[in-house]
Amino acid sequence: MNARLEIQNLKCGGCANTITTKLSELAFVSDVMVDNDDNSVSFSYEKEATLNAVKLLLVKLGYPEVGDKNALTTKAKSFVSCAIGRMNS
């Protein structure tokens, strides 16, 4: 199955690098692509539970889906994820 999620707090290539790296580490997730222009992440997955795991991981990294709660702490997490992504690229 394929999914495309619109996410919040996506700023740059550092963010995209972190998201791509972390989602690619999940079992049953492949073909991860982040689009900074439309603030989305697309990927393939095999099980419905995997989709929920992806959404939870995105929140943990600071990139909740559009429409979900985006507290100041979540925004702060995205800045940390962004910095890590820049250092690892």
C-alpha atoms as a PDB file:
ATOM      1  CA  MET A   1       0.000   0.000   0.000  1.00  0.00           C
ATOM      2  CA  ASN A   2       1.074   3.582  -0.530  1.00  0.00           C
ATOM      3  CA  ALA A   3       0.505   6.592   1.696  1.00  0.00           C
ATOM      4  CA  ARG A   4       1.069  10.318   1.450  1.00  0.00           C
ATOM      5  CA  LEU A   5       0.888  12.378   4.627  1.00  0.00           C
ATOM      6  CA  GLU A   6       0.916  16.167   4.856  1.00  0.00           C
ATOM      7  CA  ILE A   7       3.064  17.065   7.831  1.00  0.00           C
ATOM      8  CA  GLN A   8       3.803  20.138   9.915  1.00  0.00           C
ATOM      9  CA  ASN A   9       7.132  21.777  10.804  1.00  0.00           C
ATOM     10  CA  LEU A  10       8.966  20.585   7.673  1.00  0.00           C
ATOM     11  CA  LYS A  11      11.536  23.263   6.931  1.00  0.00           C
ATOM     12  CA  CYS A  12      14.466  22.009   4.918  1.00  0.00           C
ATOM     13  CA  GLY A  13      16.636  19.210   3.655  1.00  0.00           C
ATOM     14  CA  GLY A  14      17.851  18.467   7.178  1.00  0.00           C
ATOM     15  CA  CYS A  15      14.281  17.692   8.216  1.00  0.00           C
ATOM     16  CA  ALA A  16      13.784  15.580   5.098  1.00  0.00           C
ATOM     17  CA  ASN A  17      17.013  13.662   5.764  1.00  0.00           C
ATOM     18  CA  THR A  18      15.976  12.810   9.322  1.00  0.00           C
ATOM     19  CA  ILE A  19      12.484  11.738   8.256  1.00  0.00           C
ATOM     20  CA  THR A  20      13.785   9.605   5.394  1.00  0.00           C
ATOM     21  CA  THR A  21      16.422   7.943   7.563  1.00  0.00           C
ATOM     22  CA  LYS A  22      14.142   7.193  10.507  1.00  0.00           C
ATOM     23  CA  LEU A  23      11.162   5.972   8.483  1.00  0.00           C
ATOM     24  CA  SER A  24      13.403   3.754   6.354  1.00  0.00           C
ATOM     25  CA  GLU A  25      14.534   2.004   9.549  1.00  0.00           C
ATOM     26  CA  LEU A  26      10.975   0.793  10.239  1.00  0.00           C
ATOM     27  CA  ALA A  27      10.076  -2.743   9.214  1.00  0.00           C
ATOM     28  CA  PHE A  28       7.623  -2.942   6.320  1.00  0.00           C
ATOM     29  CA  VAL A  29       8.290   0.672   5.182  1.00  0.00           C
ATOM     30  CA  SER A  30       9.994   1.417   1.863  1.00  0.00           C
ATOM     31  CA  ASP A  31      10.269   4.037  -0.890  1.00  0.00           C
ATOM     32  CA  VAL A  32      10.262   6.977   1.535  1.00  0.00           C
ATOM     33  CA  MET A  33      10.177  10.351  -0.226  1.00  0.00           C
ATOM     34  CA  VAL A  34       9.879  13.746   1.437  1.00  0.00           C
ATOM     35  CA  ASP A  35       8.625  16.743  -0.551  1.00  0.00           C
ATOM     36  CA  ASN A  36       9.557  20.053   1.060  1.00  0.00           C
ATOM     37  CA  ASP A  37       7.490  22.016  -1.464  1.00  0.00           C
ATOM     38  CA  ASP A  38       4.170  20.543  -0.365  1.00  0.00           C
ATOM     39  CA  ASN A  39       5.183  19.492   3.176  1.00  0.00           C
ATOM     40  CA  SER A  40       4.509  15.823   2.612  1.00  0.00           C
ATOM     41  CA  VAL A  41       6.048  12.422   3.063  1.00  0.00           C
ATOM     42  CA  SER A  42       5.177   9.480   0.822  1.00  0.00           C
ATOM     43  CA  PHE A  43       6.037   5.847   1.416  1.00  0.00           C
ATOM     44  CA  SER A  44       5.002   2.272   0.809  1.00  0.00           C
ATOM     45  CA  TYR A  45       3.967  -0.007   3.636  1.00  0.00           C
ATOM     46  CA  GLU A  46       2.686  -3.541   4.063  1.00  0.00           C
ATOM     47  CA  LYS A  47       0.469  -3.548   7.178  1.00  0.00           C
ATOM     48  CA  GLU A  48      -2.115  -1.143   8.594  1.00  0.00           C
ATOM     49  CA  ALA A  49      -0.282  -1.179  11.929  1.00  0.00           C
ATOM     50  CA  THR A  50       2.782   0.111  10.094  1.00  0.00           C
ATOM     51  CA  LEU A  51       0.903   3.246   9.022  1.00  0.00           C
ATOM     52  CA  ASN A  52       0.118   3.991  12.666  1.00  0.00           C
ATOM     53  CA  ALA A  53       3.757   3.371  13.608  1.00  0.00           C
ATOM     54  CA  VAL A  54       4.868   5.870  10.941  1.00  0.00           C
ATOM     55  CA  LYS A  55       2.463   8.511  12.248  1.00  0.00           C
ATOM     56  CA  LEU A  56       3.663   7.985  15.823  1.00  0.00           C
ATOM     57  CA  LEU A  57       7.306   8.214  14.778  1.00  0.00           C
ATOM     58  CA  LEU A  58       6.650  11.424  12.849  1.00  0.00           C
ATOM     59  CA  VAL A  59       5.096  12.977  15.969  1.00  0.00           C
ATOM     60  CA  LYS A  60       8.051  11.791  18.065  1.00  0.00           C
ATOM     61  CA  LEU A  61      10.424  13.452  15.585  1.00  0.00           C
ATOM     62  CA  GLY A  62       8.379  16.686  15.634  1.00  0.00           C
ATOM     63  CA  TYR A  63       6.438  16.349  12.374  1.00  0.00           C
ATOM     64  CA  PRO A  64       2.758  15.656  13.141  1.00  0.00           C
ATOM     65  CA  GLU A  65       0.188  15.365  10.384  1.00  0.00           C
ATOM     66  CA  VAL A  66      -1.588  18.525   9.304  1.00  0.00           C
ATOM     67  CA  GLY A  67      -4.615  18.886  11.560  1.00  0.00           C
ATOM     68  CA  ASP A  68      -3.001  17.142  14.529  1.00  0.00           C
ATOM     69  CA  LYS A  69      -1.871  18.933  17.674  1.00  0.00           C
ATOM     70  CA  ASN A  70       1.342  20.896  17.131  1.00  0.00           C
ATOM     71  CA  ALA A  71       2.438  22.047  20.571  1.00  0.00           C
ATOM     72  CA  LEU A  72       5.516  24.141  21.224  1.00  0.00           C
ATOM     73  CA  THR A  73       7.335  21.026  22.453  1.00  0.00           C
ATOM     74  CA  THR A  74       6.575  19.290  19.150  1.00  0.00           C
ATOM     75  CA  LYS A  75       7.939  22.261  17.224  1.00  0.00           C
ATOM     76  CA  ALA A  76      11.080  22.165  19.371  1.00  0.00           C
ATOM     77  CA  LYS A  77      11.535  18.460  18.557  1.00  0.00           C
ATOM     78  CA  SER A  78      11.416  19.296  14.855  1.00  0.00           C
ATOM     79  CA  PHE A  79      14.265  21.801  15.280  1.00  0.00           C
ATOM     80  CA  VAL A  80      16.390  19.113  16.946  1.00  0.00           C
ATOM     81  CA  SER A  81      15.501  16.592  14.216  1.00  0.00           C
ATOM     82  CA  CYS A  82      16.370  19.194  11.591  1.00  0.00           C
ATOM     83  CA  ALA A  83      19.773  19.865  13.165  1.00  0.00           C
ATOM     84  CA  ILE A  84      20.551  16.149  13.357  1.00  0.00           C
ATOM     85  CA  GLY A  85      19.510  15.721   9.735  1.00  0.00           C
ATOM     86  CA  ARG A  86      21.822  18.525   8.645  1.00  0.00           C
ATOM     87  CA  MET A  87      24.772  17.050  10.530  1.00  0.00           C
ATOM     88  CA  ASN A  88      24.174  13.581   9.061  1.00  0.00           C
ATOM     89  CA  SER A  89      23.727  14.692   5.449  1.00  0.00           C
END
